[in-house]
N, C-alpha and C. Protein backbone atom coordinates (compact mmCIF):
# COMPACT_ATOMS: atom_id res chain seq x y z
N MET A 1 -52.45 -11.11 -117.69
CA MET A 1 -51.58 -11.05 -118.47
C MET A 1 -51.72 -10.00 -119.46
N PHE A 2 -53.17 -10.17 -120.17
CA PHE A 2 -53.25 -9.35 -121.49
C PHE A 2 -53.19 -7.68 -121.16
N VAL A 3 -53.63 -7.54 -119.67
CA VAL A 3 -53.72 -5.93 -119.43
C VAL A 3 -52.06 -5.71 -119.33
N LEU A 4 -51.20 -6.46 -118.82
CA LEU A 4 -49.85 -6.19 -118.47
C LEU A 4 -49.02 -6.03 -119.77
N LEU A 5 -49.57 -6.72 -120.91
CA LEU A 5 -49.09 -6.63 -122.35
C LEU A 5 -49.59 -5.40 -122.98
N PHE A 6 -50.86 -5.03 -122.86
CA PHE A 6 -51.54 -4.07 -123.55
C PHE A 6 -50.76 -2.54 -122.86
N LEU A 7 -50.60 -2.68 -121.60
CA LEU A 7 -49.82 -1.42 -120.83
C LEU A 7 -48.39 -1.34 -121.39
N VAL A 8 -47.68 -2.31 -121.43
CA VAL A 8 -46.45 -2.39 -122.07
C VAL A 8 -46.15 -1.81 -123.31
N THR A 9 -47.31 -2.29 -124.27
CA THR A 9 -47.23 -1.88 -125.51
C THR A 9 -47.81 -0.26 -125.76
N LEU A 10 -48.76 0.06 -124.95
CA LEU A 10 -48.97 1.46 -124.80
C LEU A 10 -47.86 2.24 -124.55
N SER A 11 -47.41 1.97 -123.43
CA SER A 11 -45.98 2.72 -122.72
C SER A 11 -44.76 2.61 -123.70
N SER A 12 -44.54 1.80 -124.56
CA SER A 12 -43.44 1.75 -125.46
C SER A 12 -43.57 2.40 -126.80
N ALA A 13 -44.84 2.96 -127.21
CA ALA A 13 -45.01 3.69 -128.38
C ALA A 13 -43.81 4.79 -128.30
N LYS A 14 -43.23 5.03 -129.31
CA LYS A 14 -42.36 5.94 -129.72
C LYS A 14 -42.96 7.03 -130.70
N TYR A 15 -42.98 8.26 -130.42
CA TYR A 15 -43.46 9.46 -131.51
C TYR A 15 -42.29 10.52 -131.90
N LEU A 16 -42.32 10.74 -133.40
CA LEU A 16 -41.44 11.83 -133.69
C LEU A 16 -42.48 12.87 -133.43
N VAL A 17 -41.97 14.18 -133.00
CA VAL A 17 -42.94 15.33 -132.92
C VAL A 17 -42.33 16.48 -133.69
N GLU A 18 -42.60 16.83 -135.01
CA GLU A 18 -41.91 18.21 -135.62
C GLU A 18 -43.03 18.99 -136.21
N ASP A 19 -43.00 20.30 -135.76
CA ASP A 19 -43.84 21.23 -136.17
C ASP A 19 -45.36 21.11 -135.73
N ASN A 20 -45.58 20.41 -134.44
CA ASN A 20 -46.71 19.81 -134.15
C ASN A 20 -47.52 18.68 -134.99
N SER A 21 -46.81 18.33 -135.90
CA SER A 21 -46.93 16.99 -136.65
C SER A 21 -46.59 15.72 -136.02
N ILE A 22 -47.17 14.61 -135.71
CA ILE A 22 -46.64 13.56 -135.10
C ILE A 22 -46.70 12.32 -135.98
N THR A 23 -45.62 11.47 -135.74
CA THR A 23 -45.40 10.12 -136.47
C THR A 23 -45.13 9.42 -135.55
N LYS A 24 -45.91 8.36 -135.29
CA LYS A 24 -45.75 7.08 -134.64
C LYS A 24 -44.51 6.21 -135.29
N LEU A 25 -43.62 5.80 -134.64
CA LEU A 25 -42.76 5.10 -135.11
C LEU A 25 -43.32 3.55 -135.58
N GLY A 26 -43.06 3.08 -136.90
CA GLY A 26 -43.61 1.86 -137.19
C GLY A 26 -45.04 1.78 -137.65
N LYS A 27 -45.84 2.80 -137.44
CA LYS A 27 -46.94 3.30 -138.15
C LYS A 27 -47.20 3.57 -139.52
N ILE A 28 -48.11 3.24 -140.28
CA ILE A 28 -47.85 3.47 -141.79
C ILE A 28 -48.94 4.99 -141.79
N TYR A 29 -48.24 5.73 -142.79
CA TYR A 29 -49.14 7.14 -143.09
C TYR A 29 -49.26 7.21 -144.57
N GLU A 30 -50.38 7.81 -145.06
CA GLU A 30 -50.90 8.08 -146.27
C GLU A 30 -50.40 9.38 -146.84
N ILE A 31 -49.37 9.53 -147.56
CA ILE A 31 -48.81 10.94 -148.05
C ILE A 31 -49.58 11.45 -149.05
N SER A 32 -49.94 10.59 -150.41
CA SER A 32 -50.62 10.95 -151.44
C SER A 32 -51.24 9.68 -151.80
N ASN A 33 -51.93 9.92 -152.96
CA ASN A 33 -52.96 8.94 -153.43
C ASN A 33 -51.92 7.66 -153.82
N PHE A 34 -52.13 6.69 -152.87
CA PHE A 34 -51.35 5.30 -152.97
C PHE A 34 -49.59 5.49 -152.66
N ASN A 35 -49.54 6.48 -152.20
CA ASN A 35 -48.15 6.58 -151.64
C ASN A 35 -47.95 6.66 -150.01
N TYR A 36 -47.36 5.77 -149.64
CA TYR A 36 -47.47 5.57 -148.29
C TYR A 36 -45.88 5.57 -147.46
N ILE A 37 -45.90 6.10 -146.28
CA ILE A 37 -44.54 6.23 -145.54
C ILE A 37 -44.59 5.63 -144.13
N LYS A 38 -43.36 5.11 -143.47
CA LYS A 38 -43.34 4.70 -142.19
C LYS A 38 -41.74 4.85 -141.68
N TYR A 39 -41.81 4.92 -140.72
CA TYR A 39 -40.43 5.50 -139.89
C TYR A 39 -40.36 4.42 -138.97
N THR A 40 -39.05 3.85 -138.81
CA THR A 40 -38.45 2.98 -137.75
C THR A 40 -37.31 3.57 -136.74
N GLN A 41 -36.93 3.00 -136.01
CA GLN A 41 -35.71 3.41 -135.09
C GLN A 41 -34.82 2.13 -135.10
N GLU A 42 -33.47 2.29 -135.90
CA GLU A 42 -32.83 1.09 -135.24
C GLU A 42 -31.24 1.61 -134.71
N GLY A 43 -31.16 1.69 -133.46
CA GLY A 43 -30.15 2.33 -132.51
C GLY A 43 -30.24 3.51 -132.80
N MET A 44 -28.98 4.22 -133.48
CA MET A 44 -29.03 5.84 -133.35
C MET A 44 -29.49 6.21 -134.84
N TYR A 45 -30.41 5.42 -135.34
CA TYR A 45 -30.94 6.06 -136.83
C TYR A 45 -32.25 5.82 -136.75
N ILE A 46 -32.99 6.71 -137.72
CA ILE A 46 -34.26 6.78 -138.19
C ILE A 46 -34.22 6.44 -139.70
N TYR A 47 -35.03 5.22 -140.02
CA TYR A 47 -35.19 4.90 -141.22
C TYR A 47 -36.63 5.33 -141.74
N LYS A 48 -36.61 5.69 -143.12
CA LYS A 48 -37.84 6.09 -143.59
C LYS A 48 -37.91 5.37 -144.71
N TYR A 49 -39.21 4.59 -144.97
CA TYR A 49 -39.58 3.51 -145.94
C TYR A 49 -40.60 4.10 -146.71
N VAL A 50 -40.64 3.87 -147.88
CA VAL A 50 -41.99 4.35 -148.87
C VAL A 50 -42.60 2.99 -149.52
N SER A 51 -43.77 3.30 -149.82
CA SER A 51 -44.38 1.98 -150.45
C SER A 51 -45.73 2.35 -151.57
N SER A 52 -46.12 1.69 -152.24
CA SER A 52 -47.23 2.12 -152.85
C SER A 52 -48.45 0.94 -152.55
N ASP A 53 -48.46 0.32 -151.61
CA ASP A 53 -49.31 -0.71 -151.41
C ASP A 53 -49.34 -1.13 -149.95
N CYS A 54 -48.62 -0.64 -148.87
CA CYS A 54 -48.26 -1.13 -147.79
C CYS A 54 -47.83 -2.40 -147.60
N LYS A 55 -47.27 -3.06 -148.40
CA LYS A 55 -46.97 -4.63 -148.48
C LYS A 55 -45.59 -4.35 -148.55
N GLU A 56 -45.06 -3.98 -149.70
CA GLU A 56 -43.72 -3.97 -149.73
C GLU A 56 -43.14 -2.56 -149.79
N TRP A 57 -41.81 -2.50 -149.02
CA TRP A 57 -41.18 -1.29 -148.65
C TRP A 57 -40.00 -1.13 -149.07
N ILE A 58 -39.86 0.08 -149.52
CA ILE A 58 -38.51 0.26 -150.09
C ILE A 58 -37.70 1.53 -149.17
N PRO A 59 -36.50 1.08 -148.74
CA PRO A 59 -35.69 2.11 -147.69
C PRO A 59 -35.61 3.48 -148.59
N SER A 60 -35.93 4.51 -148.00
CA SER A 60 -35.82 5.73 -148.79
C SER A 60 -34.50 6.56 -148.14
N THR A 61 -34.50 6.94 -146.72
CA THR A 61 -33.22 7.62 -146.32
C THR A 61 -33.17 7.00 -144.83
N ALA A 62 -31.99 7.02 -144.23
CA ALA A 62 -31.58 6.89 -142.82
C ALA A 62 -30.86 8.03 -142.41
N SER A 63 -31.41 8.45 -141.24
CA SER A 63 -30.82 9.96 -140.70
C SER A 63 -30.19 9.46 -139.47
N LEU A 64 -29.59 10.19 -138.89
CA LEU A 64 -29.22 10.36 -137.76
C LEU A 64 -29.96 10.67 -136.59
N LEU A 65 -30.32 9.96 -135.61
CA LEU A 65 -31.45 10.28 -134.68
C LEU A 65 -31.67 11.89 -134.37
N SER A 66 -30.47 12.77 -134.45
CA SER A 66 -30.29 13.83 -133.83
C SER A 66 -31.25 14.69 -134.78
N SER A 67 -31.15 14.13 -136.19
CA SER A 67 -31.82 14.97 -137.24
C SER A 67 -33.25 15.23 -137.05
N TYR A 68 -33.86 14.36 -136.42
CA TYR A 68 -35.37 14.29 -135.99
C TYR A 68 -35.73 14.52 -134.66
N GLY A 69 -34.64 14.61 -133.74
CA GLY A 69 -34.72 15.01 -132.20
C GLY A 69 -35.01 13.70 -131.66
N VAL A 70 -35.43 13.92 -130.53
CA VAL A 70 -35.44 12.21 -129.75
C VAL A 70 -36.85 11.81 -129.95
N PRO A 71 -36.82 10.70 -130.29
CA PRO A 71 -38.44 9.92 -130.21
C PRO A 71 -38.76 9.94 -128.82
N GLN A 72 -40.17 10.45 -128.66
CA GLN A 72 -40.77 10.90 -127.46
C GLN A 72 -41.69 9.59 -126.81
N TYR A 73 -41.81 9.10 -125.83
CA TYR A 73 -42.85 8.26 -125.28
C TYR A 73 -43.87 8.90 -125.07
N SER A 74 -44.26 10.00 -124.90
CA SER A 74 -45.50 10.60 -124.88
C SER A 74 -45.69 11.76 -125.37
N LEU A 75 -46.81 12.40 -125.86
CA LEU A 75 -47.10 13.51 -126.58
C LEU A 75 -47.18 14.60 -125.67
N PRO A 76 -46.97 16.19 -126.38
CA PRO A 76 -47.04 17.33 -125.52
C PRO A 76 -48.36 17.23 -125.45
N ASP A 77 -48.91 18.19 -124.21
CA ASP A 77 -50.45 18.53 -123.83
C ASP A 77 -50.92 18.94 -125.27
N TYR A 78 -52.21 18.60 -125.55
CA TYR A 78 -52.93 19.13 -126.67
C TYR A 78 -54.24 19.07 -126.52
N VAL A 79 -55.27 19.86 -127.33
CA VAL A 79 -56.67 19.94 -127.05
C VAL A 79 -57.36 19.26 -128.24
N ALA A 80 -56.86 19.32 -129.23
CA ALA A 80 -57.29 18.72 -130.41
C ALA A 80 -56.09 18.05 -131.38
N VAL A 81 -56.39 17.13 -132.22
CA VAL A 81 -56.03 16.63 -133.63
C VAL A 81 -56.39 16.59 -134.53
N SER A 82 -55.69 16.95 -135.51
CA SER A 82 -56.35 17.19 -136.91
C SER A 82 -55.71 15.68 -137.83
N TYR A 83 -56.60 14.98 -138.48
CA TYR A 83 -56.28 13.77 -139.28
C TYR A 83 -56.79 14.40 -140.64
N THR A 84 -55.52 14.46 -141.35
CA THR A 84 -55.66 15.09 -142.78
C THR A 84 -55.52 13.59 -143.64
N TYR A 85 -56.53 13.28 -144.61
CA TYR A 85 -56.63 12.20 -145.57
C TYR A 85 -56.33 12.78 -146.86
N PRO A 86 -55.14 12.58 -147.35
CA PRO A 86 -54.57 13.36 -148.48
C PRO A 86 -54.93 12.91 -149.82
N SER A 87 -55.92 11.75 -150.02
CA SER A 87 -56.25 11.29 -151.20
C SER A 87 -57.80 11.06 -151.43
N THR A 88 -58.46 11.47 -150.36
CA THR A 88 -59.94 11.25 -150.49
C THR A 88 -60.83 12.36 -149.88
N LYS A 89 -61.82 12.42 -150.34
CA LYS A 89 -62.82 13.58 -150.13
C LYS A 89 -63.67 13.31 -149.07
N ASP A 90 -63.58 11.83 -148.34
CA ASP A 90 -64.62 11.31 -147.60
C ASP A 90 -64.06 10.93 -145.97
N CYS A 91 -62.85 11.35 -145.81
CA CYS A 91 -62.24 11.14 -144.36
C CYS A 91 -61.80 9.73 -144.18
N THR A 92 -61.31 9.06 -145.44
CA THR A 92 -61.02 7.57 -145.22
C THR A 92 -59.47 7.62 -146.05
N THR A 93 -59.10 6.47 -145.73
CA THR A 93 -57.63 6.41 -146.50
C THR A 93 -57.75 5.23 -147.44
N THR A 94 -57.03 5.38 -148.44
CA THR A 94 -56.95 4.51 -149.31
C THR A 94 -56.63 2.90 -149.27
N ASN A 95 -56.37 2.67 -148.15
CA ASN A 95 -55.43 1.34 -147.80
C ASN A 95 -55.94 1.01 -146.25
N GLU A 96 -56.49 0.06 -146.11
CA GLU A 96 -57.05 -0.32 -144.79
C GLU A 96 -55.71 -0.26 -143.74
N ASP A 97 -54.43 -0.50 -144.24
CA ASP A 97 -53.43 -0.53 -143.19
C ASP A 97 -52.90 0.81 -142.82
N SER A 98 -53.24 2.02 -143.46
CA SER A 98 -52.69 3.28 -143.61
C SER A 98 -53.37 4.00 -142.59
N ASN A 99 -52.77 5.23 -142.15
CA ASN A 99 -53.56 5.81 -141.23
C ASN A 99 -53.29 7.76 -141.93
N PRO A 100 -54.06 8.62 -141.45
CA PRO A 100 -54.17 9.80 -141.83
C PRO A 100 -53.05 10.39 -141.13
N ILE A 101 -52.43 11.42 -141.74
CA ILE A 101 -51.42 12.48 -141.29
C ILE A 101 -51.70 13.01 -140.02
N GLU A 102 -51.22 13.33 -139.03
CA GLU A 102 -51.60 13.76 -137.91
C GLU A 102 -51.02 15.00 -137.21
N ARG A 103 -52.02 15.94 -136.87
CA ARG A 103 -51.42 17.24 -136.30
C ARG A 103 -52.04 17.53 -135.14
N LEU A 104 -51.11 18.02 -134.08
CA LEU A 104 -51.77 18.71 -132.76
C LEU A 104 -51.95 20.04 -132.71
N TYR A 105 -53.01 20.31 -132.00
CA TYR A 105 -53.22 21.57 -131.62
C TYR A 105 -52.94 21.76 -130.15
N LEU A 106 -51.91 22.32 -129.94
CA LEU A 106 -51.18 22.18 -128.41
C LEU A 106 -51.98 23.20 -127.67
N ALA A 107 -51.98 22.65 -126.43
CA ALA A 107 -52.60 23.35 -124.86
C ALA A 107 -51.60 24.31 -124.45
N ILE A 108 -51.09 24.92 -125.60
CA ILE A 108 -50.09 26.17 -124.64
C ILE A 108 -50.64 27.61 -125.10
N CYS A 109 -50.07 28.49 -124.40
CA CYS A 109 -50.19 29.92 -124.47
C CYS A 109 -49.17 30.54 -125.52
N THR A 110 -49.74 30.91 -126.60
CA THR A 110 -48.58 31.51 -127.66
C THR A 110 -48.71 33.13 -127.18
N ARG A 111 -47.48 33.47 -126.50
CA ARG A 111 -47.14 34.93 -126.44
C ARG A 111 -46.73 36.01 -127.24
N GLY A 112 -47.53 37.12 -127.53
CA GLY A 112 -46.99 38.02 -128.38
C GLY A 112 -46.52 39.07 -127.22
N THR A 113 -46.12 40.55 -127.76
CA THR A 113 -45.53 41.34 -126.88
C THR A 113 -46.61 42.09 -126.19
N ASP A 114 -47.80 42.29 -126.44
CA ASP A 114 -48.87 42.78 -125.70
C ASP A 114 -50.17 41.73 -125.71
N ASP A 115 -50.01 40.91 -126.33
CA ASP A 115 -51.36 40.00 -125.98
C ASP A 115 -50.95 38.60 -126.37
N SER A 116 -51.96 37.55 -126.43
CA SER A 116 -51.52 36.04 -126.38
C SER A 116 -52.92 35.35 -127.07
N SER A 117 -52.69 34.04 -127.28
CA SER A 117 -53.75 33.40 -127.84
C SER A 117 -53.46 32.06 -127.33
N GLN A 118 -54.38 31.13 -127.62
CA GLN A 118 -54.69 29.73 -126.99
C GLN A 118 -55.97 28.86 -127.60
N TYR A 119 -55.58 27.77 -127.89
CA TYR A 119 -56.64 26.93 -128.18
C TYR A 119 -57.42 26.29 -127.30
N ALA A 120 -58.67 26.09 -127.35
CA ALA A 120 -59.77 25.52 -126.50
C ALA A 120 -60.86 24.88 -127.17
N ILE A 121 -61.51 23.96 -126.71
CA ILE A 121 -62.50 23.30 -127.25
C ILE A 121 -63.65 23.90 -126.47
N GLU A 122 -64.94 24.35 -127.37
CA GLU A 122 -65.96 24.91 -126.68
C GLU A 122 -67.27 24.74 -127.87
N ASN A 123 -68.60 24.30 -127.26
CA ASN A 123 -69.62 24.19 -127.79
C ASN A 123 -69.01 23.17 -129.14
N ASN A 124 -68.48 22.07 -129.01
CA ASN A 124 -68.14 21.30 -129.84
C ASN A 124 -67.36 21.79 -130.89
N ASN A 125 -66.40 22.75 -130.79
CA ASN A 125 -65.65 23.50 -131.64
C ASN A 125 -63.96 23.66 -131.40
N LEU A 126 -63.60 23.64 -132.03
CA LEU A 126 -62.21 24.15 -131.87
C LEU A 126 -62.08 25.58 -131.95
N VAL A 127 -61.74 26.42 -131.06
CA VAL A 127 -61.49 27.82 -130.88
C VAL A 127 -60.23 28.40 -130.58
N GLU A 128 -59.88 29.46 -131.56
CA GLU A 128 -58.59 30.15 -130.64
C GLU A 128 -59.01 31.55 -130.15
N LYS A 129 -58.35 31.60 -128.67
CA LYS A 129 -59.05 32.83 -127.98
C LYS A 129 -57.86 33.54 -128.15
N LYS A 130 -58.07 34.80 -127.97
CA LYS A 130 -57.09 35.90 -128.17
C LYS A 130 -57.32 36.78 -126.68
N PHE A 131 -56.10 37.05 -126.02
CA PHE A 131 -56.13 37.64 -124.64
C PHE A 131 -55.42 38.97 -125.14
N THR A 132 -55.70 39.98 -124.36
CA THR A 132 -55.09 41.28 -124.07
C THR A 132 -53.88 41.12 -123.14
N SER A 133 -53.65 40.09 -122.44
CA SER A 133 -52.59 39.98 -121.81
C SER A 133 -51.57 39.02 -122.34
N ASN A 134 -50.54 38.95 -121.92
CA ASN A 134 -49.42 38.21 -122.90
C ASN A 134 -49.33 36.94 -122.12
N ASP A 135 -50.00 36.53 -121.30
CA ASP A 135 -50.06 35.27 -120.57
C ASP A 135 -51.17 34.19 -120.49
N CYS A 136 -52.24 34.53 -121.35
CA CYS A 136 -53.54 33.98 -121.53
C CYS A 136 -54.56 33.83 -120.30
N THR A 137 -54.43 35.15 -119.50
CA THR A 137 -55.38 35.19 -118.51
C THR A 137 -56.35 36.04 -118.72
N GLY A 138 -57.15 36.17 -117.91
CA GLY A 138 -58.22 37.12 -118.00
C GLY A 138 -59.44 36.74 -119.00
N THR A 139 -60.36 37.51 -119.27
CA THR A 139 -61.40 37.36 -120.26
C THR A 139 -60.84 37.33 -121.72
N ALA A 140 -61.20 36.49 -122.61
CA ALA A 140 -60.61 36.45 -123.75
C ALA A 140 -61.41 37.92 -124.73
N LYS A 141 -60.53 38.63 -125.31
CA LYS A 141 -61.18 39.71 -126.11
C LYS A 141 -61.58 39.23 -127.28
N ASP A 142 -61.43 38.27 -127.80
CA ASP A 142 -61.87 37.53 -129.26
C ASP A 142 -61.85 36.10 -128.97
N THR A 143 -62.82 35.43 -129.59
CA THR A 143 -62.80 33.83 -129.70
C THR A 143 -63.39 33.34 -131.10
N LYS A 144 -62.58 33.09 -131.56
CA LYS A 144 -62.60 32.56 -133.33
C LYS A 144 -63.06 31.21 -133.43
N VAL A 145 -63.86 30.92 -134.09
CA VAL A 145 -64.30 29.28 -134.42
C VAL A 145 -63.18 28.94 -135.26
N LYS A 146 -62.55 27.85 -135.10
CA LYS A 146 -61.62 27.53 -136.25
C LYS A 146 -61.93 26.37 -137.15
N TYR A 147 -62.58 25.18 -136.15
CA TYR A 147 -62.99 23.94 -136.77
C TYR A 147 -64.54 23.36 -135.77
N GLU A 148 -65.19 22.97 -136.56
CA GLU A 148 -66.18 22.17 -135.74
C GLU A 148 -65.76 20.69 -135.56
N LEU A 149 -65.75 20.20 -134.57
CA LEU A 149 -65.05 18.94 -134.29
C LEU A 149 -65.95 17.70 -134.93
N ASP A 150 -65.25 16.55 -135.07
CA ASP A 150 -65.83 15.21 -135.64
C ASP A 150 -66.59 15.34 -136.94
N LYS A 151 -66.39 16.47 -137.56
CA LYS A 151 -67.04 16.88 -138.85
C LYS A 151 -65.91 16.61 -140.22
N CYS A 152 -66.31 15.89 -141.14
CA CYS A 152 -65.44 15.53 -142.32
C CYS A 152 -65.58 17.15 -143.04
N ASN A 153 -64.38 17.50 -143.37
CA ASN A 153 -64.23 18.77 -144.25
C ASN A 153 -63.51 18.27 -145.50
N THR A 154 -63.99 19.02 -146.49
CA THR A 154 -63.55 18.51 -147.97
C THR A 154 -62.96 19.79 -148.54
N GLU A 155 -61.64 19.57 -148.81
CA GLU A 155 -60.88 20.69 -149.82
C GLU A 155 -60.71 20.16 -151.08
N LEU A 156 -60.07 20.67 -151.91
CA LEU A 156 -60.23 20.32 -153.48
C LEU A 156 -59.55 18.75 -153.69
N THR A 157 -58.44 18.38 -152.88
CA THR A 157 -57.88 17.27 -153.42
C THR A 157 -57.92 16.24 -152.01
N TYR A 158 -58.40 16.85 -150.97
CA TYR A 158 -58.19 16.08 -149.50
C TYR A 158 -59.27 16.40 -148.72
N SER A 159 -59.24 15.75 -147.77
CA SER A 159 -60.32 15.71 -146.41
C SER A 159 -59.33 15.84 -145.24
N TYR A 160 -60.37 16.39 -143.91
CA TYR A 160 -59.51 16.50 -142.82
C TYR A 160 -60.81 16.50 -141.72
N LYS A 161 -60.24 15.91 -140.67
CA LYS A 161 -61.41 15.83 -139.54
C LYS A 161 -60.62 16.34 -138.17
N ILE A 162 -61.24 17.10 -137.32
CA ILE A 162 -60.50 17.69 -136.29
C ILE A 162 -61.17 16.90 -135.02
N THR A 163 -60.50 16.29 -133.93
CA THR A 163 -61.31 15.55 -132.81
C THR A 163 -60.47 16.04 -131.48
N SER A 164 -61.19 16.14 -130.51
CA SER A 164 -60.97 16.56 -129.30
C SER A 164 -59.78 15.93 -128.80
N GLY A 165 -58.89 16.30 -128.11
CA GLY A 165 -57.58 15.51 -127.58
C GLY A 165 -58.29 14.59 -126.18
N ALA A 166 -59.10 15.31 -125.59
CA ALA A 166 -59.70 14.88 -124.47
C ALA A 166 -60.35 13.21 -124.44
N PHE A 167 -61.10 13.39 -125.86
CA PHE A 167 -61.62 12.04 -126.08
C PHE A 167 -60.87 10.90 -126.24
N GLU A 168 -59.46 11.21 -126.73
CA GLU A 168 -58.54 10.26 -127.21
C GLU A 168 -57.92 9.67 -125.89
N ILE A 169 -57.52 10.64 -125.06
CA ILE A 169 -57.36 10.15 -123.58
C ILE A 169 -58.18 9.48 -122.59
N PHE A 170 -59.51 9.96 -122.92
CA PHE A 170 -60.49 9.20 -122.33
C PHE A 170 -60.79 8.02 -122.82
N ALA A 171 -60.61 7.78 -123.92
CA ALA A 171 -60.89 6.47 -124.76
C ALA A 171 -59.55 5.51 -123.97
N LEU A 172 -58.38 5.96 -124.11
CA LEU A 172 -57.43 4.91 -123.63
C LEU A 172 -57.56 4.67 -122.25
N LEU A 173 -58.03 5.59 -121.25
CA LEU A 173 -58.29 5.46 -119.93
C LEU A 173 -59.33 4.31 -119.86
N ALA A 174 -60.48 4.52 -120.69
CA ALA A 174 -61.56 3.37 -120.49
C ALA A 174 -61.16 2.01 -120.76
N ILE A 175 -60.43 2.23 -121.87
CA ILE A 175 -59.78 0.75 -122.35
C ILE A 175 -59.31 0.19 -121.10
N ALA A 176 -58.09 0.87 -120.71
CA ALA A 176 -57.27 0.38 -119.39
C ALA A 176 -58.15 -0.29 -118.31
N LEU A 177 -58.92 0.72 -117.95
CA LEU A 177 -59.86 0.55 -116.73
C LEU A 177 -60.62 -0.78 -117.22
N ALA A 178 -61.09 -1.10 -118.42
CA ALA A 178 -61.83 -1.98 -118.69
C ALA A 178 -61.28 -3.44 -118.51
N PHE A 179 -60.00 -3.29 -118.94
CA PHE A 179 -59.19 -4.47 -118.70
C PHE A 179 -58.71 -5.27 -117.25
N LEU A 180 -58.76 -3.95 -116.28
CA LEU A 180 -58.39 -3.94 -114.99
C LEU A 180 -59.38 -4.82 -114.22
N PHE A 181 -60.47 -4.68 -114.84
CA PHE A 181 -62.04 -5.38 -113.97
C PHE A 181 -62.70 -6.58 -114.68
């Protein structure tokens, strides 16, 4: 019974995906020091709520669903996820109920006129590979390390961490398999 409930919950998650940033409907995100947002869907509307404590929510905006695109039940293929913590320098949130801002590094080929590029995971790093072809085939002419995985990076007023997308999928599959047996 628990397995069925878990799978239904997992499959019913809805995401808003805009410019590779993802927002899970109903999930609380920290956007700045003690400022939080969450989005919900009710019928044809997406509602945005704001809070300073994750307990009392104030309606901020209501927009037609088409303004955000269609909420998705699955995410596009990705190689890594960036978690941004806008208020701390140690990759933590200021409220235990909140989550960092999430951004996907997609597993797609970005095509130019005469060249192309694609993100990949190599040696515990997120890398960007540049190709002389316009379809990301052949040997990469340049591989630039963008970020080390699973390391907390600190900027002036915030911190972030990049994790491999494969780990996220593997973890979900492992949990699902554990409950089956």
